[in-house]
C-alpha atoms as a PDB file:
ATOM      1  CA  UNK A   1      -0.235  -0.019   0.090  1.00  0.00           C
ATOM      2  CA  UNK A   2       1.439   3.090  -0.759  1.00  0.00           C
ATOM      3  CA  UNK A   3       1.694   6.542   1.763  1.00  0.00           C
ATOM      4  CA  UNK A   4      -0.981   8.977   1.752  1.00  0.00           C
ATOM      5  CA  UNK A   5       0.528  12.415   0.276  1.00  0.00           C
ATOM      6  CA  UNK A   6       1.197  14.876   3.235  1.00  0.00           C
ATOM      7  CA  UNK A   7      -0.072  18.009   2.887  1.00  0.00           C
ATOM      8  CA  UNK A   8       3.524  20.613   2.146  1.00  0.00           C
ATOM      9  CA  UNK A   9       4.507  22.611   5.024  1.00  0.00           C
ATOM     10  CA  UNK A  10       3.845  26.084   3.616  1.00  0.00           C
ATOM     11  CA  UNK A  11       0.337  24.917   3.117  1.00  0.00           C
ATOM     12  CA  UNK A  12      -0.165  24.495   6.612  1.00  0.00           C
ATOM     13  CA  UNK A  13       0.622  21.421   8.266  1.00  0.00           C
ATOM     14  CA  UNK A  14      -0.991  21.069  11.400  1.00  0.00           C
ATOM     15  CA  UNK A  15       1.466  19.851  14.200  1.00  0.00           C
ATOM     16  CA  UNK A  16       0.283  17.839  17.518  1.00  0.00           C
ATOM     17  CA  UNK A  17       1.743  16.452  20.415  1.00  0.00           C
ATOM     18  CA  UNK A  18       0.483  13.748  22.221  1.00  0.00           C
ATOM     19  CA  UNK A  19       1.615  12.426  25.549  1.00  0.00           C
ATOM     20  CA  UNK A  20       1.018   9.272  26.646  1.00  0.00           C
ATOM     21  CA  UNK A  21       0.093   8.675  29.872  1.00  0.00           C
ATOM     22  CA  UNK A  22      -1.397   6.256  32.870  1.00  0.00           C
ATOM     23  CA  UNK A  23      -0.970   5.371  36.216  1.00  0.00           C
ATOM     24  CA  UNK A  24      -0.594   1.480  35.461  1.00  0.00           C
ATOM     25  CA  UNK A  25       3.049   1.433  35.600  1.00  0.00           C
ATOM     26  CA  UNK A  26       4.376  -1.889  37.063  1.00  0.00           C
ATOM     27  CA  UNK A  27       8.015  -0.622  37.769  1.00  0.00           C
ATOM     28  CA  UNK A  28       6.904   2.341  39.587  1.00  0.00           C
ATOM     29  CA  UNK A  29       3.171   2.547  39.846  1.00  0.00           C
ATOM     30  CA  UNK A  30       1.503   6.156  39.772  1.00  0.00           C
ATOM     31  CA  UNK A  31       5.037   7.730  38.540  1.00  0.00           C
ATOM     32  CA  UNK A  32       4.003  10.417  36.130  1.00  0.00           C
ATOM     33  CA  UNK A  33       1.766  11.606  39.429  1.00  0.00           C
ATOM     34  CA  UNK A  34       4.726  11.453  41.375  1.00  0.00           C
ATOM     35  CA  UNK A  35       5.202  14.775  42.781  1.00  0.00           C
ATOM     36  CA  UNK A  36       8.310  17.084  42.511  1.00  0.00           C
ATOM     37  CA  UNK A  37       7.981  21.146  43.804  1.00  0.00           C
ATOM     38  CA  UNK A  38       4.489  20.260  44.890  1.00  0.00           C
ATOM     39  CA  UNK A  39       3.514  19.606  41.336  1.00  0.00           C
ATOM     40  CA  UNK A  40       2.522  15.898  39.770  1.00  0.00           C
ATOM     41  CA  UNK A  41       5.821  15.577  37.281  1.00  0.00           C
ATOM     42  CA  UNK A  42       3.245  15.429  34.502  1.00  0.00           C
ATOM     43  CA  UNK A  43       2.254  18.765  35.273  1.00  0.00           C
ATOM     44  CA  UNK A  44       5.607  19.800  34.985  1.00  0.00           C
ATOM     45  CA  UNK A  45       6.274  17.923  31.935  1.00  0.00           C
ATOM     46  CA  UNK A  46       3.279  19.311  29.965  1.00  0.00           C
ATOM     47  CA  UNK A  47       4.727  22.592  30.829  1.00  0.00           C
ATOM     48  CA  UNK A  48       8.145  21.630  29.210  1.00  0.00           C
ATOM     49  CA  UNK A  49       6.004  20.588  26.404  1.00  0.00           C
ATOM     50  CA  UNK A  50       3.689  23.493  25.976  1.00  0.00           C
ATOM     51  CA  UNK A  51       6.847  25.226  25.803  1.00  0.00           C
ATOM     52  CA  UNK A  52       7.753  23.700  22.163  1.00  0.00           C
ATOM     53  CA  UNK A  53       7.322  26.671  19.421  1.00  0.00           C
ATOM     54  CA  UNK A  54       6.945  24.110  16.516  1.00  0.00           C
ATOM     55  CA  UNK A  55       3.420  22.581  18.077  1.00  0.00           C
ATOM     56  CA  UNK A  56       0.175  23.291  17.599  1.00  0.00           C
ATOM     57  CA  UNK A  57      -1.503  21.371  20.115  1.00  0.00           C
ATOM     58  CA  UNK A  58      -0.522  19.084  22.711  1.00  0.00           C
ATOM     59  CA  UNK A  59      -3.176  16.313  23.664  1.00  0.00           C
ATOM     60  CA  UNK A  60      -3.024  13.522  26.213  1.00  0.00           C
ATOM     61  CA  UNK A  61      -3.583  10.263  25.257  1.00  0.00           C
ATOM     62  CA  UNK A  62      -4.584   8.047  29.035  1.00  0.00           C
ATOM     63  CA  UNK A  63      -6.230   5.018  29.449  1.00  0.00           C
ATOM     64  CA  UNK A  64     -10.072   4.478  30.301  1.00  0.00           C
ATOM     65  CA  UNK A  65     -10.332   2.430  33.016  1.00  0.00           C
ATOM     66  CA  UNK A  66     -11.078   4.555  36.682  1.00  0.00           C
ATOM     67  CA  UNK A  67      -7.528   4.187  37.374  1.00  0.00           C
ATOM     68  CA  UNK A  68      -6.996   7.202  35.287  1.00  0.00           C
ATOM     69  CA  UNK A  69      -9.504   8.886  35.916  1.00  0.00           C
ATOM     70  CA  UNK A  70      -6.595  11.423  37.805  1.00  0.00           C
ATOM     71  CA  UNK A  71      -5.031  12.222  34.766  1.00  0.00           C
ATOM     72  CA  UNK A  72      -8.386  13.384  32.965  1.00  0.00           C
ATOM     73  CA  UNK A  73      -9.069  15.586  35.474  1.00  0.00           C
ATOM     74  CA  UNK A  74      -5.071  17.197  35.560  1.00  0.00           C
ATOM     75  CA  UNK A  75      -5.684  17.600  31.879  1.00  0.00           C
ATOM     76  CA  UNK A  76      -9.056  19.275  32.734  1.00  0.00           C
ATOM     77  CA  UNK A  77      -7.131  21.672  35.018  1.00  0.00           C
ATOM     78  CA  UNK A  78      -4.279  22.552  32.781  1.00  0.00           C
ATOM     79  CA  UNK A  79      -6.810  23.087  29.717  1.00  0.00           C
ATOM     80  CA  UNK A  80      -5.118  20.578  28.005  1.00  0.00           C
ATOM     81  CA  UNK A  81      -6.927  17.675  25.878  1.00  0.00           C
ATOM     82  CA  UNK A  82      -7.291  14.501  26.684  1.00  0.00           C
ATOM     83  CA  UNK A  83      -8.422  11.025  24.913  1.00  0.00           C
ATOM     84  CA  UNK A  84      -9.131   7.577  26.427  1.00  0.00           C
ATOM     85  CA  UNK A  85      -8.501   4.095  25.703  1.00  0.00           C
ATOM     86  CA  UNK A  86      -6.960   0.961  25.696  1.00  0.00           C
ATOM     87  CA  UNK A  87      -3.769   0.359  27.969  1.00  0.00           C
ATOM     88  CA  UNK A  88      -1.898  -1.511  26.078  1.00  0.00           C
ATOM     89  CA  UNK A  89      -2.733  -0.353  22.349  1.00  0.00           C
ATOM     90  CA  UNK A  90      -1.062   2.693  21.977  1.00  0.00           C
ATOM     91  CA  UNK A  91      -1.519   2.970  18.428  1.00  0.00           C
ATOM     92  CA  UNK A  92      -5.032   3.019  18.539  1.00  0.00           C
ATOM     93  CA  UNK A  93      -5.001   5.888  21.315  1.00  0.00           C
ATOM     94  CA  UNK A  94      -2.704   7.740  19.375  1.00  0.00           C
ATOM     95  CA  UNK A  95      -4.963   8.014  15.858  1.00  0.00           C
ATOM     96  CA  UNK A  96      -7.391   8.875  18.291  1.00  0.00           C
ATOM     97  CA  UNK A  97      -5.462  11.385  19.656  1.00  0.00           C
ATOM     98  CA  UNK A  98      -4.525  12.875  16.161  1.00  0.00           C
ATOM     99  CA  UNK A  99      -8.657  12.665  14.756  1.00  0.00           C
ATOM    100  CA  UNK A 100      -9.828  14.715  17.814  1.00  0.00           C
ATOM    101  CA  UNK A 101      -7.515  16.880  17.120  1.00  0.00           C
ATOM    102  CA  UNK A 102      -8.230  16.815  13.376  1.00  0.00           C
ATOM    103  CA  UNK A 103      -3.683  16.789  13.143  1.00  0.00           C
ATOM    104  CA  UNK A 104      -1.694  16.164  10.236  1.00  0.00           C
ATOM    105  CA  UNK A 105       1.421  14.440  11.832  1.00  0.00           C
ATOM    106  CA  UNK A 106       1.377  13.401  15.636  1.00  0.00           C
ATOM    107  CA  UNK A 107       4.540  14.092  17.362  1.00  0.00           C
ATOM    108  CA  UNK A 108       4.787  10.770  19.817  1.00  0.00           C
ATOM    109  CA  UNK A 109       6.219  11.925  23.521  1.00  0.00           C
ATOM    110  CA  UNK A 110       5.964   9.360  26.241  1.00  0.00           C
ATOM    111  CA  UNK A 111       5.157  10.434  29.948  1.00  0.00           C
ATOM    112  CA  UNK A 112       7.912   9.073  31.291  1.00  0.00           C
ATOM    113  CA  UNK A 113      10.203  11.802  29.552  1.00  0.00           C
ATOM    114  CA  UNK A 114       9.102  14.509  31.973  1.00  0.00           C
ATOM    115  CA  UNK A 115      12.426  16.368  31.439  1.00  0.00           C
ATOM    116  CA  UNK A 116      12.137  16.550  27.585  1.00  0.00           C
ATOM    117  CA  UNK A 117      13.589  19.871  26.172  1.00  0.00           C
ATOM    118  CA  UNK A 118      11.127  22.064  24.050  1.00  0.00           C
ATOM    119  CA  UNK A 119      14.140  22.722  22.192  1.00  0.00           C
ATOM    120  CA  UNK A 120      14.463  18.818  20.977  1.00  0.00           C
ATOM    121  CA  UNK A 121      10.922  19.129  20.506  1.00  0.00           C
ATOM    122  CA  UNK A 122      11.485  21.650  17.734  1.00  0.00           C
ATOM    123  CA  UNK A 123      14.302  20.614  16.230  1.00  0.00           C
ATOM    124  CA  UNK A 124      13.018  17.484  15.460  1.00  0.00           C
ATOM    125  CA  UNK A 125       9.521  18.749  14.220  1.00  0.00           C
ATOM    126  CA  UNK A 126      11.063  21.685  12.483  1.00  0.00           C
ATOM    127  CA  UNK A 127      12.984  18.995  10.148  1.00  0.00           C
ATOM    128  CA  UNK A 128      10.102  16.836   9.676  1.00  0.00           C
ATOM    129  CA  UNK A 129       8.301  20.243   8.331  1.00  0.00           C
ATOM    130  CA  UNK A 130      11.384  21.708   6.702  1.00  0.00           C
ATOM    131  CA  UNK A 131      11.225  18.606   4.284  1.00  0.00           C
ATOM    132  CA  UNK A 132       8.074  17.785   3.912  1.00  0.00           C
ATOM    133  CA  UNK A 133       7.844  15.999   0.687  1.00  0.00           C
ATOM    134  CA  UNK A 134      11.161  13.998   2.120  1.00  0.00           C
ATOM    135  CA  UNK A 135       9.905  12.307   5.135  1.00  0.00           C
ATOM    136  CA  UNK A 136       6.887  10.158   6.583  1.00  0.00           C
ATOM    137  CA  UNK A 137       8.417   9.567   9.749  1.00  0.00           C
ATOM    138  CA  UNK A 138      11.626  11.576  11.373  1.00  0.00           C
ATOM    139  CA  UNK A 139      12.312  10.939  15.031  1.00  0.00           C
ATOM    140  CA  UNK A 140      16.046  10.867  17.148  1.00  0.00           C
ATOM    141  CA  UNK A 141      15.624   7.445  18.034  1.00  0.00           C
ATOM    142  CA  UNK A 142      17.125   5.603  15.497  1.00  0.00           C
ATOM    143  CA  UNK A 143      19.904   5.551  16.386  1.00  0.00           C
ATOM    144  CA  UNK A 144      19.847   7.679  19.577  1.00  0.00           C
ATOM    145  CA  UNK A 145      22.591   9.638  20.318  1.00  0.00           C
ATOM    146  CA  UNK A 146      20.407  12.539  22.582  1.00  0.00           C
ATOM    147  CA  UNK A 147      20.206  11.794  26.351  1.00  0.00           C
ATOM    148  CA  UNK A 148      17.515   8.950  27.166  1.00  0.00           C
ATOM    149  CA  UNK A 149      14.475  10.827  28.226  1.00  0.00           C
ATOM    150  CA  UNK A 150      14.422  13.530  24.897  1.00  0.00           C
ATOM    151  CA  UNK A 151      12.601  10.785  22.581  1.00  0.00           C
ATOM    152  CA  UNK A 152      10.996  12.501  20.193  1.00  0.00           C
ATOM    153  CA  UNK A 153       9.003  10.728  17.214  1.00  0.00           C
ATOM    154  CA  UNK A 154       7.334  12.568  13.765  1.00  0.00           C
ATOM    155  CA  UNK A 155       4.899  10.975  11.997  1.00  0.00           C
ATOM    156  CA  UNK A 156       1.858  11.427   8.999  1.00  0.00           C
ATOM    157  CA  UNK A 157      -1.350  10.877   9.801  1.00  0.00           C
ATOM    158  CA  UNK A 158      -1.743   8.891   7.304  1.00  0.00           C
ATOM    159  CA  UNK A 159       1.083   6.350   7.979  1.00  0.00           C
ATOM    160  CA  UNK A 160      -0.169   6.115  11.354  1.00  0.00           C
ATOM    161  CA  UNK A 161      -3.575   5.183   9.732  1.00  0.00           C
ATOM    162  CA  UNK A 162      -1.864   2.483   7.639  1.00  0.00           C
ATOM    163  CA  UNK A 163       0.089   1.307  10.640  1.00  0.00           C
ATOM    164  CA  UNK A 164      -3.314   0.995  12.859  1.00  0.00           C
ATOM    165  CA  UNK A 165      -4.915  -1.126  10.303  1.00  0.00           C
ATOM    166  CA  UNK A 166      -2.172  -3.114   9.825  1.00  0.00           C
ATOM    167  CA  UNK A 167       0.063  -3.901  12.759  1.00  0.00           C
ATOM    168  CA  UNK A 168      -0.789  -7.458  14.287  1.00  0.00           C
ATOM    169  CA  UNK A 169       2.000  -7.520  16.781  1.00  0.00           C
ATOM    170  CA  UNK A 170       1.452  -6.845  20.837  1.00  0.00           C
ATOM    171  CA  UNK A 171       4.695  -4.993  20.733  1.00  0.00           C
ATOM    172  CA  UNK A 172       3.792  -2.825  17.582  1.00  0.00           C
ATOM    173  CA  UNK A 173       0.672  -1.931  18.857  1.00  0.00           C
ATOM    174  CA  UNK A 174       1.915  -0.974  22.492  1.00  0.00           C
ATOM    175  CA  UNK A 175       4.882   0.978  21.218  1.00  0.00           C
ATOM    176  CA  UNK A 176       3.030   3.301  18.722  1.00  0.00           C
ATOM    177  CA  UNK A 177       5.310   3.250  16.058  1.00  0.00           C
ATOM    178  CA  UNK A 178       7.859  -0.006  15.368  1.00  0.00           C
ATOM    179  CA  UNK A 179       5.440  -0.490  12.487  1.00  0.00           C
ATOM    180  CA  UNK A 180       6.775   2.418  10.709  1.00  0.00           C
ATOM    181  CA  UNK A 181      10.040   2.828  11.732  1.00  0.00           C
ATOM    182  CA  UNK A 182      11.142  -1.105  11.232  1.00  0.00           C
ATOM    183  CA  UNK A 183       9.925  -1.211   7.631  1.00  0.00           C
ATOM    184  CA  UNK A 184      12.492   0.972   5.981  1.00  0.00           C
ATOM    185  CA  UNK A 185      12.248  -0.486   2.605  1.00  0.00           C
ATOM    186  CA  UNK A 186       8.262   0.708   2.885  1.00  0.00           C
ATOM    187  CA  UNK A 187       8.608   4.106   4.776  1.00  0.00           C
ATOM    188  CA  UNK A 188      10.837   7.506   4.191  1.00  0.00           C
ATOM    189  CA  UNK A 189      12.574   7.659   7.530  1.00  0.00           C
ATOM    190  CA  UNK A 190      14.848  10.308   8.756  1.00  0.00           C
ATOM    191  CA  UNK A 191      16.483  10.893  12.203  1.00  0.00           C
ATOM    192  CA  UNK A 192      17.906  13.771  14.207  1.00  0.00           C
ATOM    193  CA  UNK A 193      21.489  13.519  15.683  1.00  0.00           C
ATOM    194  CA  UNK A 194      23.227  15.353  18.488  1.00  0.00           C
ATOM    195  CA  UNK A 195      26.005  17.184  17.892  1.00  0.00           C
ATOM    196  CA  UNK A 196      28.718  15.670  15.622  1.00  0.00           C
ATOM    197  CA  UNK A 197      30.466  12.987  17.412  1.00  0.00           C
ATOM    198  CA  UNK A 198      28.555  13.609  20.785  1.00  0.00           C
ATOM    199  CA  UNK A 199      26.219  10.141  22.216  1.00  0.00           C
ATOM    200  CA  UNK A 200      25.275  10.352  25.469  1.00  0.00           C
ATOM    201  CA  UNK A 201      21.899   7.861  25.323  1.00  0.00           C
ATOM    202  CA  UNK A 202      23.889   5.405  26.815  1.00  0.00           C
ATOM    203  CA  UNK A 203      25.620   7.494  29.643  1.00  0.00           C
ATOM    204  CA  UNK A 204      23.414  10.310  30.963  1.00  0.00           C
ATOM    205  CA  UNK A 205      19.672   8.802  31.610  1.00  0.00           C
ATOM    206  CA  UNK A 206      16.873  11.232  31.756  1.00  0.00           C
ATOM    207  CA  UNK A 207      13.829   8.707  32.006  1.00  0.00           C
ATOM    208  CA  UNK A 208      11.131   7.376  34.662  1.00  0.00           C
ATOM    209  CA  UNK A 209      11.084   3.917  34.623  1.00  0.00           C
ATOM    210  CA  UNK A 210      12.372   3.203  38.632  1.00  0.00           C
ATOM    211  CA  UNK A 211      12.198   4.868  42.277  1.00  0.00           C
ATOM    212  CA  UNK A 212      16.092   5.800  41.389  1.00  0.00           C
ATOM    213  CA  UNK A 213      15.280   7.342  37.919  1.00  0.00           C
ATOM    214  CA  UNK A 214      12.619   9.520  39.898  1.00  0.00           C
ATOM    215  CA  UNK A 215      14.627  10.496  42.462  1.00  0.00           C
ATOM    216  CA  UNK A 216      17.220  11.871  40.310  1.00  0.00           C
ATOM    217  CA  UNK A 217      14.319  13.800  38.285  1.00  0.00           C
ATOM    218  CA  UNK A 218      13.309  15.014  41.482  1.00  0.00           C
ATOM    219  CA  UNK A 219      17.206  16.167  42.158  1.00  0.00           C
ATOM    220  CA  UNK A 220      17.147  17.956  38.090  1.00  0.00           C
ATOM    221  CA  UNK A 221      13.658  19.751  38.455  1.00  0.00           C
ATOM    222  CA  UNK A 222      15.028  21.007  42.642  1.00  0.00           C
ATOM    223  CA  UNK A 223      17.931  22.247  41.159  1.00  0.00           C
ATOM    224  CA  UNK A 224      17.168  23.882  37.683  1.00  0.00           C
ATOM    225  CA  UNK A 225      13.322  25.134  37.461  1.00  0.00           C
ATOM    226  CA  UNK A 226      12.835  28.456  38.037  1.00  0.00           C
ATOM    227  CA  UNK A 227       9.013  29.576  37.552  1.00  0.00           C
ATOM    228  CA  UNK A 228       9.566  32.929  36.621  1.00  0.00           C
ATOM    229  CA  UNK A 229      12.614  32.140  33.610  1.00  0.00           C
ATOM    230  CA  UNK A 230      11.553  33.093  29.829  1.00  0.00           C
ATOM    231  CA  UNK A 231      12.534  29.438  28.714  1.00  0.00           C
ATOM    232  CA  UNK A 232      12.338  26.006  30.640  1.00  0.00           C
ATOM    233  CA  UNK A 233      16.076  24.656  31.316  1.00  0.00           C
ATOM    234  CA  UNK A 234      17.584  22.693  28.671  1.00  0.00           C
ATOM    235  CA  UNK A 235      19.391  19.401  28.117  1.00  0.00           C
ATOM    236  CA  UNK A 236      22.513  21.164  27.850  1.00  0.00           C
ATOM    237  CA  UNK A 237      22.014  22.567  31.619  1.00  0.00           C
ATOM    238  CA  UNK A 238      20.723  19.047  32.732  1.00  0.00           C
ATOM    239  CA  UNK A 239      24.147  17.181  31.274  1.00  0.00           C
ATOM    240  CA  UNK A 240      26.300  19.914  33.233  1.00  0.00           C
ATOM    241  CA  UNK A 241      24.211  19.684  36.859  1.00  0.00           C
ATOM    242  CA  UNK A 242      24.617  15.890  36.155  1.00  0.00           C
ATOM    243  CA  UNK A 243      28.394  15.905  35.193  1.00  0.00           C
ATOM    244  CA  UNK A 244      29.016  18.642  37.869  1.00  0.00           C
ATOM    245  CA  UNK A 245      26.989  16.270  40.848  1.00  0.00           C
ATOM    246  CA  UNK A 246      28.246  12.909  39.663  1.00  0.00           C
ATOM    247  CA  UNK A 247      26.425  11.483  43.068  1.00  0.00           C
ATOM    248  CA  UNK A 248      22.902  12.563  41.040  1.00  0.00           C
ATOM    249  CA  UNK A 249      23.883  11.342  38.101  1.00  0.00           C
ATOM    250  CA  UNK A 250      25.166   8.116  39.723  1.00  0.00           C
ATOM    251  CA  UNK A 251      21.328   7.703  41.378  1.00  0.00           C
ATOM    252  CA  UNK A 252      19.671   5.424  38.140  1.00  0.00           C
ATOM    253  CA  UNK A 253      23.376   4.443  36.355  1.00  0.00           C
ATOM    254  CA  UNK A 254      22.517   0.768  36.748  1.00  0.00           C
ATOM    255  CA  UNK A 255      19.606   1.086  34.360  1.00  0.00           C
ATOM    256  CA  UNK A 256      21.102   3.224  32.137  1.00  0.00           C
ATOM    257  CA  UNK A 257      20.883   2.021  28.234  1.00  0.00           C
ATOM    258  CA  UNK A 258      17.972  -0.273  28.865  1.00  0.00           C
ATOM    259  CA  UNK A 259      14.588   0.023  27.437  1.00  0.00           C
ATOM    260  CA  UNK A 260      11.589  -1.984  26.116  1.00  0.00           C
ATOM    261  CA  UNK A 261      13.598  -2.749  23.169  1.00  0.00           C
ATOM    262  CA  UNK A 262      15.755  -5.239  25.410  1.00  0.00           C
ATOM    263  CA  UNK A 263      13.134  -7.505  25.086  1.00  0.00           C
ATOM    264  CA  UNK A 264      12.072  -7.731  21.309  1.00  0.00           C
ATOM    265  CA  UNK A 265      15.205  -7.405  19.938  1.00  0.00           C
ATOM    266  CA  UNK A 266      14.852 -11.152  18.426  1.00  0.00           C
ATOM    267  CA  UNK A 267      11.652  -9.795  16.448  1.00  0.00           C
ATOM    268  CA  UNK A 268      12.883  -6.387  15.499  1.00  0.00           C
ATOM    269  CA  UNK A 269      14.847  -5.820  11.965  1.00  0.00           C
ATOM    270  CA  UNK A 270      16.409  -2.490  12.540  1.00  0.00           C
ATOM    271  CA  UNK A 271      17.411  -2.239  15.622  1.00  0.00           C
ATOM    272  CA  UNK A 272      20.795  -0.859  17.450  1.00  0.00           C
ATOM    273  CA  UNK A 273      23.239  -2.873  20.031  1.00  0.00           C
ATOM    274  CA  UNK A 274      24.376  -0.387  22.390  1.00  0.00           C
ATOM    275  CA  UNK A 275      26.532  -0.940  25.483  1.00  0.00           C
ATOM    276  CA  UNK A 276      26.550   2.223  27.680  1.00  0.00           C
ATOM    277  CA  UNK A 277      29.284   4.670  26.471  1.00  0.00           C
ATOM    278  CA  UNK A 278      29.573   3.224  22.497  1.00  0.00           C
ATOM    279  CA  UNK A 279      28.241   3.871  19.558  1.00  0.00           C
ATOM    280  CA  UNK A 280      25.307   1.676  18.555  1.00  0.00           C
ATOM    281  CA  UNK A 281      25.790  -1.163  15.536  1.00  0.00           C
ATOM    282  CA  UNK A 282      22.867  -1.875  13.872  1.00  0.00           C
ATOM    283  CA  UNK A 283      21.812  -5.398  13.362  1.00  0.00           C
ATOM    284  CA  UNK A 284      20.525  -4.733   9.766  1.00  0.00           C
ATOM    285  CA  UNK A 285      21.572  -1.756   7.534  1.00  0.00           C
ATOM    286  CA  UNK A 286      19.353   0.449   7.439  1.00  0.00           C
ATOM    287  CA  UNK A 287      17.931   3.172   4.897  1.00  0.00           C
ATOM    288  CA  UNK A 288      17.128   5.606   7.693  1.00  0.00           C
ATOM    289  CA  UNK A 289      18.973   9.332   6.807  1.00  0.00           C
ATOM    290  CA  UNK A 290      20.944  11.072   9.819  1.00  0.00           C
ATOM    291  CA  UNK A 291      20.280  14.472   9.993  1.00  0.00           C
ATOM    292  CA  UNK A 292      22.759  16.103  11.434  1.00  0.00           C
ATOM    293  CA  UNK A 293      21.496  18.745  14.737  1.00  0.00           C
END
């Protein structure tokens, strides 16, 4: 099946960020509602995401069970649109959000990235918009070079609809985009790398999955957050802080370089094998184009 033509950026493309969020984490239940600076991490994250200039709208995609009523209430209080769906079919939740917002493209950002830098969002989305006729999917994860926890994936609504119709495997439904990025022969893929020669994806972990992750994230917010600052603190600010405070950076060191892909590596064709502090090596050559930051 062919890829649907996407609108050209200069004709007006609506770009919508979808924040996938639920309280049912098995490793750290209710993690996105844990508080730093007296606020739920999801609220702090939404503040950061909404600071991105290349987004037209932000939608929270949560689950239907009553356990996530607190997320719906938080979104309502913060005046953020919210859709609800199946706990493990995030592909469907993202499509629901795209349809509700009438999006031309969706920016997938998981809620376990509360420290995400809005400048990184703008950079990845900017590549997608600037080269609207070249890409069906642009991310900064294939291969990853940014500090873990700055995950940005942009996919056209047409391609998202194709994935929704055709994806059959559980991990393709749960993780939304593998159906696309694991088919480089079918889709035009772009990847935004960090500065030339710099890769902190396995040495700096800013994502939220374990209690130790929360401890690090809370410390970063306590050290760097300023309510009246003109722009949110950056990923460079975070890296500088962690490098200057190795005791904080060491809090979650045991989990660096780990992720859901490790559980499905035998099923995927285009994954990168990585050891902390080393460059990624692909298990199969991929035509993904790397766009330097």
